Protein backbone atom coordinates (compact mmCIF):
# COMPACT_ATOMS: atom_id res chain seq x y z
CA MET A 1 -0.03 0.10 0.07
CA ASN A 2 1.41 3.44 -0.78
CA LYS A 3 0.55 6.95 0.45
CA SER A 4 -2.62 7.71 -1.88
CA GLU A 5 -3.78 4.15 -1.62
CA LEU A 6 -3.64 4.65 2.54
CA ILE A 7 -5.45 8.19 1.77
CA ASP A 8 -7.87 6.25 0.01
CA ALA A 9 -8.72 3.84 2.60
CA ILE A 10 -8.58 6.32 5.33
CA ALA A 11 -11.55 8.44 3.75
CA GLU A 12 -13.36 5.31 2.65
CA GLN A 13 -13.46 3.74 6.29
CA ALA A 14 -13.67 7.34 8.13
CA GLU A 15 -16.24 8.72 5.59
CA LEU A 16 -14.51 11.80 4.85
CA PRO A 17 -13.59 13.18 1.47
CA LYS A 18 -9.75 12.42 0.43
CA TYR A 19 -8.29 16.07 0.73
CA ILE A 20 -9.26 16.02 4.57
CA ALA A 21 -7.95 12.43 4.81
CA GLU A 22 -4.59 13.31 3.16
CA ARG A 23 -4.49 16.70 5.63
CA ALA A 24 -4.66 14.33 8.41
CA LEU A 25 -2.43 11.89 7.24
CA ASN A 26 0.35 14.55 6.52
CA ALA A 27 -0.63 16.16 10.00
CA MET A 28 0.23 12.71 11.57
CA VAL A 29 3.60 12.39 9.86
CA GLN A 30 4.98 15.61 10.52
CA SER A 31 3.79 15.38 14.44
CA VAL A 32 5.63 11.95 14.47
CA GLN A 33 8.66 13.50 12.76
CA GLY A 34 8.50 16.58 15.06
CA SER A 35 8.39 14.44 18.34
CA LEU A 36 11.27 12.16 17.22
CA LYS A 37 13.36 15.32 16.13
CA ALA A 38 12.35 16.58 19.69
CA GLY A 39 13.87 13.39 21.47
CA THR A 40 10.43 12.39 22.46
CA ASN A 41 8.86 8.48 21.51
CA VAL A 42 5.30 8.17 19.92
CA THR A 43 3.41 5.40 21.34
CA LEU A 44 0.37 4.46 19.43
CA ALA A 45 -1.64 1.60 21.32
CA GLY A 46 -2.43 -1.42 19.19
CA LEU A 47 0.19 -0.39 16.40
CA GLY A 48 3.65 0.35 18.28
CA THR A 49 6.36 2.68 19.14
CA PHE A 50 8.37 4.94 17.27
CA SER A 51 11.64 5.99 18.96
CA VAL A 52 15.28 7.26 17.95
CA SER A 53 18.50 5.28 18.45
CA GLU A 54 21.86 6.61 18.48
CA ARG A 55 24.65 5.05 16.68
CA ALA A 56 28.17 5.61 17.91
CA GLU A 57 31.01 6.51 15.66
CA ARG A 58 32.65 3.48 14.22
CA THR A 59 35.52 2.42 11.83
CA GLY A 60 34.57 1.06 8.51
CA ARG A 61 36.05 -0.15 5.12
CA ASN A 62 36.05 1.44 1.88
CA PRO A 63 34.61 -1.64 0.05
CA LYS A 64 36.44 -0.44 -3.23
CA THR A 65 39.81 0.04 -1.58
CA GLY A 66 39.74 -1.72 1.36
CA GLU A 67 41.07 1.82 3.36
CA PRO A 68 39.78 2.18 6.85
CA ILE A 69 37.28 5.00 7.29
CA THR A 70 35.83 6.55 10.30
CA VAL A 71 31.85 6.64 10.11
CA ARG A 72 30.28 9.48 12.02
CA ALA A 73 27.77 9.01 14.81
CA SER A 74 24.31 9.40 13.70
CA LYS A 75 20.46 8.98 14.84
CA THR A 76 18.26 6.78 13.48
CA PRO A 77 14.43 6.39 13.55
CA LYS A 78 13.10 2.96 14.69
CA PHE A 79 9.87 1.54 15.13
CA LYS A 80 8.66 -1.48 17.36
CA ALA A 81 5.35 -3.13 16.57
CA ALA A 82 2.70 -3.31 19.48
CA LYS A 83 1.64 -6.80 20.84
CA GLY A 84 -1.92 -6.20 19.19
CA LEU A 85 -0.03 -5.38 15.60
CA LYS A 86 1.89 -8.79 15.65
CA ASP A 87 -1.25 -10.61 16.65
CA VAL A 88 -3.33 -9.30 13.77
CA VAL A 89 -0.20 -9.86 11.34
CA ASN A 90 -0.11 -13.60 12.65
CA SER A 91 -3.58 -14.63 12.55
């Protein structure tokens, strides 16, 4: 399912016009992004938890030359599925 198909499904299930469903989805995505950027986890009951994980600086290798390079520390978004979502997928 891509974004436009998700918007169609939201509009149909909530009996909303598509443009309102799209605005609601965009607002949700922006809210999650803003919370993660601020360092706050986002938990949606029955769906899961969005969080930020920190990766430490490490030494890697250039695959072409084999010489060592330093990979900078970074933050990466993570998602952990809730039990309810896992149950739905596995049923």
